[in-house]
């Protein structure tokens, strides 16, 4: 059974998919430079959906644990988590792992294993995506006028990134369900 956080994620990730589809509909050869913003926005939305998933999923798990504990310890744990989530912001493996270890005693990234992906590769890829999202969100990544430059996000890379993010969510949910 999927967590509530996963169901929310599936709804939120659709914004990223919709942006890619809009890009595809508007795409001509050569693609107009102003359409590139849709791909950059799609990556930002995909990582925002992942960030929300991680936040919602840990709250969901901590709430379940808190029901089993002493009321004052449960309140402390929930308050501490709420405080930590105020500064979470980036869903990189470097931020996700310690958060889940602190509150659940588990390294969720050890469950990030599928097809040709192992946990170390998944952590490295997630860190690369989080950095790319930060660069795009804070530095635009908009192509400069003049000589053609490589786009911040290619269409094929974007589809792979969205697939990867979905796999991380699926693997995280499966691990925490155990």
C-alpha atoms as a PDB file:
ATOM      1  CA  UNK A   1       0.000   0.000   0.000  1.00  0.00           C
ATOM      2  CA  UNK A   2       1.275   3.470  -0.847  1.00  0.00           C
ATOM      3  CA  UNK A   3       1.831   6.061   1.820  1.00  0.00           C
ATOM      4  CA  UNK A   4      -0.200   9.261   1.891  1.00  0.00           C
ATOM      5  CA  UNK A   5       3.040  11.059   1.036  1.00  0.00           C
ATOM      6  CA  UNK A   6       3.416   8.975  -2.125  1.00  0.00           C
ATOM      7  CA  UNK A   7      -0.134   9.721  -3.233  1.00  0.00           C
ATOM      8  CA  UNK A   8       0.529  13.440  -2.747  1.00  0.00           C
ATOM      9  CA  UNK A   9       3.794  13.073  -4.670  1.00  0.00           C
ATOM     10  CA  UNK A  10       2.061  11.391  -7.620  1.00  0.00           C
ATOM     11  CA  UNK A  11      -0.309  14.335  -7.827  1.00  0.00           C
ATOM     12  CA  UNK A  12       2.505  16.914  -7.531  1.00  0.00           C
ATOM     13  CA  UNK A  13       4.896  15.287 -10.024  1.00  0.00           C
ATOM     14  CA  UNK A  14       2.207  15.666 -12.671  1.00  0.00           C
ATOM     15  CA  UNK A  15       3.050  19.401 -12.829  1.00  0.00           C
ATOM     16  CA  UNK A  16       6.555  18.499 -14.006  1.00  0.00           C
ATOM     17  CA  UNK A  17       5.162  16.058 -16.567  1.00  0.00           C
ATOM     18  CA  UNK A  18       2.635  18.634 -17.792  1.00  0.00           C
ATOM     19  CA  UNK A  19       5.414  21.183 -18.320  1.00  0.00           C
ATOM     20  CA  UNK A  20       7.384  18.688 -20.424  1.00  0.00           C
ATOM     21  CA  UNK A  21       4.267  17.952 -22.453  1.00  0.00           C
ATOM     22  CA  UNK A  22       3.725  21.691 -23.039  1.00  0.00           C
ATOM     23  CA  UNK A  23       7.325  21.958 -24.190  1.00  0.00           C
ATOM     24  CA  UNK A  24       6.759  19.094 -26.628  1.00  0.00           C
ATOM     25  CA  UNK A  25       3.608  20.720 -28.032  1.00  0.00           C
ATOM     26  CA  UNK A  26       5.358  24.055 -28.548  1.00  0.00           C
ATOM     27  CA  UNK A  27       8.562  22.547 -29.862  1.00  0.00           C
ATOM     28  CA  UNK A  28       9.561  23.233 -33.460  1.00  0.00           C
ATOM     29  CA  UNK A  29      12.871  22.848 -35.237  1.00  0.00           C
ATOM     30  CA  UNK A  30      14.829  24.702 -34.137  1.00  0.00           C
ATOM     31  CA  UNK A  31      13.061  25.142 -30.811  1.00  0.00           C
ATOM     32  CA  UNK A  32      12.344  28.743 -29.834  1.00  0.00           C
ATOM     33  CA  UNK A  33      14.712  29.724 -26.993  1.00  0.00           C
ATOM     34  CA  UNK A  34      11.852  30.956 -24.823  1.00  0.00           C
ATOM     35  CA  UNK A  35      10.457  27.405 -24.654  1.00  0.00           C
ATOM     36  CA  UNK A  36      13.510  26.230 -22.700  1.00  0.00           C
ATOM     37  CA  UNK A  37      12.040  27.761 -19.559  1.00  0.00           C
ATOM     38  CA  UNK A  38       9.460  24.962 -19.539  1.00  0.00           C
ATOM     39  CA  UNK A  39      12.152  22.302 -19.181  1.00  0.00           C
ATOM     40  CA  UNK A  40      13.933  24.209 -16.433  1.00  0.00           C
ATOM     41  CA  UNK A  41      10.640  24.784 -14.625  1.00  0.00           C
ATOM     42  CA  UNK A  42       9.783  21.107 -14.987  1.00  0.00           C
ATOM     43  CA  UNK A  43      12.984  20.058 -13.231  1.00  0.00           C
ATOM     44  CA  UNK A  44      12.383  22.571 -10.436  1.00  0.00           C
ATOM     45  CA  UNK A  45       8.810  21.260 -10.006  1.00  0.00           C
ATOM     46  CA  UNK A  46       9.962  17.629 -10.028  1.00  0.00           C
ATOM     47  CA  UNK A  47      12.479  18.292  -7.243  1.00  0.00           C
ATOM     48  CA  UNK A  48       9.875  20.305  -5.316  1.00  0.00           C
ATOM     49  CA  UNK A  49       7.555  17.287  -5.504  1.00  0.00           C
ATOM     50  CA  UNK A  50      10.377  15.082  -4.198  1.00  0.00           C
ATOM     51  CA  UNK A  51      11.171  17.520  -1.386  1.00  0.00           C
ATOM     52  CA  UNK A  52       7.528  17.535  -0.339  1.00  0.00           C
ATOM     53  CA  UNK A  53       7.426  13.742  -0.523  1.00  0.00           C
ATOM     54  CA  UNK A  54      10.399  13.386   1.832  1.00  0.00           C
ATOM     55  CA  UNK A  55       8.932  15.930   4.256  1.00  0.00           C
ATOM     56  CA  UNK A  56       5.477  14.343   4.223  1.00  0.00           C
ATOM     57  CA  UNK A  57       6.864  10.810   4.437  1.00  0.00           C
ATOM     58  CA  UNK A  58       9.009  11.427   7.484  1.00  0.00           C
ATOM     59  CA  UNK A  59       6.168  13.268   9.236  1.00  0.00           C
ATOM     60  CA  UNK A  60       3.890  10.328   8.444  1.00  0.00           C
ATOM     61  CA  UNK A  61       6.406   7.850   9.903  1.00  0.00           C
ATOM     62  CA  UNK A  62       7.166   9.964  12.971  1.00  0.00           C
ATOM     63  CA  UNK A  63       3.449  10.436  13.667  1.00  0.00           C
ATOM     64  CA  UNK A  64       3.039   6.666  13.615  1.00  0.00           C
ATOM     65  CA  UNK A  65       5.968   6.198  16.000  1.00  0.00           C
ATOM     66  CA  UNK A  66       4.778   9.013  18.249  1.00  0.00           C
ATOM     67  CA  UNK A  67       1.473   7.225  18.825  1.00  0.00           C
ATOM     68  CA  UNK A  68       3.435   4.441  20.523  1.00  0.00           C
ATOM     69  CA  UNK A  69       5.511   6.632  22.826  1.00  0.00           C
ATOM     70  CA  UNK A  70       5.208   8.741  25.914  1.00  0.00           C
ATOM     71  CA  UNK A  71       3.137  11.880  25.195  1.00  0.00           C
ATOM     72  CA  UNK A  72       5.844  14.375  26.210  1.00  0.00           C
ATOM     73  CA  UNK A  73       8.518  12.534  24.184  1.00  0.00           C
ATOM     74  CA  UNK A  74       6.176  12.306  21.207  1.00  0.00           C
ATOM     75  CA  UNK A  75       5.505  16.034  21.361  1.00  0.00           C
ATOM     76  CA  UNK A  76       9.232  16.745  21.633  1.00  0.00           C
ATOM     77  CA  UNK A  77       9.992  14.521  18.646  1.00  0.00           C
ATOM     78  CA  UNK A  78       7.269  16.113  16.496  1.00  0.00           C
ATOM     79  CA  UNK A  79       8.348  19.631  17.454  1.00  0.00           C
ATOM     80  CA  UNK A  80      11.990  18.833  16.764  1.00  0.00           C
ATOM     81  CA  UNK A  81      11.098  17.400  13.352  1.00  0.00           C
ATOM     82  CA  UNK A  82       8.964  20.429  12.492  1.00  0.00           C
ATOM     83  CA  UNK A  83      11.939  22.622  13.367  1.00  0.00           C
ATOM     84  CA  UNK A  84      14.340  20.545  11.251  1.00  0.00           C
ATOM     85  CA  UNK A  85      11.956  20.618   8.288  1.00  0.00           C
ATOM     86  CA  UNK A  86      11.970  24.429   8.332  1.00  0.00           C
ATOM     87  CA  UNK A  87      15.572  24.292   7.129  1.00  0.00           C
ATOM     88  CA  UNK A  88      15.398  21.122   4.992  1.00  0.00           C
ATOM     89  CA  UNK A  89      14.809  22.866   1.597  1.00  0.00           C
ATOM     90  CA  UNK A  90      16.924  20.692  -0.714  1.00  0.00           C
ATOM     91  CA  UNK A  91      16.117  17.008  -1.252  1.00  0.00           C
ATOM     92  CA  UNK A  92      19.730  15.912  -1.740  1.00  0.00           C
ATOM     93  CA  UNK A  93      20.903  12.571  -0.397  1.00  0.00           C
ATOM     94  CA  UNK A  94      23.225  14.523   1.893  1.00  0.00           C
ATOM     95  CA  UNK A  95      20.192  16.080   3.585  1.00  0.00           C
ATOM     96  CA  UNK A  96      17.714  13.199   3.336  1.00  0.00           C
ATOM     97  CA  UNK A  97      19.899  10.498   4.865  1.00  0.00           C
ATOM     98  CA  UNK A  98      20.698  12.251   8.169  1.00  0.00           C
ATOM     99  CA  UNK A  99      17.086  13.369   8.610  1.00  0.00           C
ATOM    100  CA  UNK A 100      15.712   9.834   8.317  1.00  0.00           C
ATOM    101  CA  UNK A 101      18.559   8.423  10.395  1.00  0.00           C
ATOM    102  CA  UNK A 102      17.911  10.936  13.166  1.00  0.00           C
ATOM    103  CA  UNK A 103      14.169  10.315  13.454  1.00  0.00           C
ATOM    104  CA  UNK A 104      13.723   6.741  12.249  1.00  0.00           C
ATOM    105  CA  UNK A 105      17.161   5.219  12.754  1.00  0.00           C
ATOM    106  CA  UNK A 106      17.285   4.109   9.137  1.00  0.00           C
ATOM    107  CA  UNK A 107      19.344   5.134   6.110  1.00  0.00           C
ATOM    108  CA  UNK A 108      16.586   5.266   3.498  1.00  0.00           C
ATOM    109  CA  UNK A 109      19.126   5.605   0.729  1.00  0.00           C
ATOM    110  CA  UNK A 110      20.176   1.992   1.324  1.00  0.00           C
ATOM    111  CA  UNK A 111      16.814   1.054  -0.192  1.00  0.00           C
ATOM    112  CA  UNK A 112      17.467   3.063  -3.361  1.00  0.00           C
ATOM    113  CA  UNK A 113      18.164   0.039  -5.527  1.00  0.00           C
ATOM    114  CA  UNK A 114      16.504  -0.855  -8.823  1.00  0.00           C
ATOM    115  CA  UNK A 115      17.453  -2.198 -12.272  1.00  0.00           C
ATOM    116  CA  UNK A 116      21.008  -0.958 -12.881  1.00  0.00           C
ATOM    117  CA  UNK A 117      21.012   1.473  -9.935  1.00  0.00           C
ATOM    118  CA  UNK A 118      22.674   0.858  -6.591  1.00  0.00           C
ATOM    119  CA  UNK A 119      22.374   3.023  -3.458  1.00  0.00           C
ATOM    120  CA  UNK A 120      25.725   4.808  -3.971  1.00  0.00           C
ATOM    121  CA  UNK A 121      24.826   5.646  -7.580  1.00  0.00           C
ATOM    122  CA  UNK A 122      21.354   6.823  -6.559  1.00  0.00           C
ATOM    123  CA  UNK A 123      22.804   9.072  -3.845  1.00  0.00           C
ATOM    124  CA  UNK A 124      25.290  10.589  -6.289  1.00  0.00           C
ATOM    125  CA  UNK A 125      22.599  11.126  -8.928  1.00  0.00           C
ATOM    126  CA  UNK A 126      20.210  12.730  -6.445  1.00  0.00           C
ATOM    127  CA  UNK A 127      22.966  15.071  -5.262  1.00  0.00           C
ATOM    128  CA  UNK A 128      23.696  16.041  -8.902  1.00  0.00           C
ATOM    129  CA  UNK A 129      20.012  16.710  -9.558  1.00  0.00           C
ATOM    130  CA  UNK A 130      19.620  18.765  -6.389  1.00  0.00           C
ATOM    131  CA  UNK A 131      22.635  20.872  -7.392  1.00  0.00           C
ATOM    132  CA  UNK A 132      21.289  21.321 -10.919  1.00  0.00           C
ATOM    133  CA  UNK A 133      17.904  22.371  -9.509  1.00  0.00           C
ATOM    134  CA  UNK A 134      19.591  24.885  -7.229  1.00  0.00           C
ATOM    135  CA  UNK A 135      21.613  26.306 -10.107  1.00  0.00           C
ATOM    136  CA  UNK A 136      18.493  26.645 -12.251  1.00  0.00           C
ATOM    137  CA  UNK A 137      16.286  28.038  -9.498  1.00  0.00           C
ATOM    138  CA  UNK A 138      18.829  30.559  -8.232  1.00  0.00           C
ATOM    139  CA  UNK A 139      20.921  31.295 -11.307  1.00  0.00           C
ATOM    140  CA  UNK A 140      18.221  30.798 -13.975  1.00  0.00           C
ATOM    141  CA  UNK A 141      20.184  28.691 -16.437  1.00  0.00           C
ATOM    142  CA  UNK A 142      18.618  30.795 -19.144  1.00  0.00           C
ATOM    143  CA  UNK A 143      20.668  30.692 -22.353  1.00  0.00           C
ATOM    144  CA  UNK A 144      22.545  33.942 -22.911  1.00  0.00           C
ATOM    145  CA  UNK A 145      21.985  35.775 -26.160  1.00  0.00           C
ATOM    146  CA  UNK A 146      24.674  35.344 -28.745  1.00  0.00           C
ATOM    147  CA  UNK A 147      26.409  32.093 -29.554  1.00  0.00           C
ATOM    148  CA  UNK A 148      24.336  28.925 -28.977  1.00  0.00           C
ATOM    149  CA  UNK A 149      25.130  27.170 -25.721  1.00  0.00           C
ATOM    150  CA  UNK A 150      24.151  23.844 -24.237  1.00  0.00           C
ATOM    151  CA  UNK A 151      20.791  24.018 -22.492  1.00  0.00           C
ATOM    152  CA  UNK A 152      20.670  23.508 -18.735  1.00  0.00           C
ATOM    153  CA  UNK A 153      18.216  20.628 -19.168  1.00  0.00           C
ATOM    154  CA  UNK A 154      17.730  18.537 -22.294  1.00  0.00           C
ATOM    155  CA  UNK A 155      14.362  16.995 -22.986  1.00  0.00           C
ATOM    156  CA  UNK A 156      15.744  13.441 -22.792  1.00  0.00           C
ATOM    157  CA  UNK A 157      17.632  14.191 -19.571  1.00  0.00           C
ATOM    158  CA  UNK A 158      14.472  15.658 -18.080  1.00  0.00           C
ATOM    159  CA  UNK A 159      12.439  12.544 -18.806  1.00  0.00           C
ATOM    160  CA  UNK A 160      15.220  10.429 -17.231  1.00  0.00           C
ATOM    161  CA  UNK A 161      15.333  12.749 -14.208  1.00  0.00           C
ATOM    162  CA  UNK A 162      11.582  12.457 -13.638  1.00  0.00           C
ATOM    163  CA  UNK A 163      11.812   8.667 -13.962  1.00  0.00           C
ATOM    164  CA  UNK A 164      14.706   8.619 -11.494  1.00  0.00           C
ATOM    165  CA  UNK A 165      12.785  10.752  -8.985  1.00  0.00           C
ATOM    166  CA  UNK A 166       9.802   8.412  -9.253  1.00  0.00           C
ATOM    167  CA  UNK A 167      12.109   5.442  -8.613  1.00  0.00           C
ATOM    168  CA  UNK A 168      13.556   7.128  -5.498  1.00  0.00           C
ATOM    169  CA  UNK A 169      10.040   7.679  -4.160  1.00  0.00           C
ATOM    170  CA  UNK A 170       8.994   4.121  -4.946  1.00  0.00           C
ATOM    171  CA  UNK A 171      12.113   2.637  -3.333  1.00  0.00           C
ATOM    172  CA  UNK A 172      11.809   4.902  -0.261  1.00  0.00           C
ATOM    173  CA  UNK A 173       8.155   4.010   0.227  1.00  0.00           C
ATOM    174  CA  UNK A 174       8.917   0.296  -0.158  1.00  0.00           C
ATOM    175  CA  UNK A 175      11.756   0.462   2.363  1.00  0.00           C
ATOM    176  CA  UNK A 176       9.736   2.376   4.950  1.00  0.00           C
ATOM    177  CA  UNK A 177       6.738   0.076   4.489  1.00  0.00           C
ATOM    178  CA  UNK A 178       8.924  -2.759   5.792  1.00  0.00           C
END
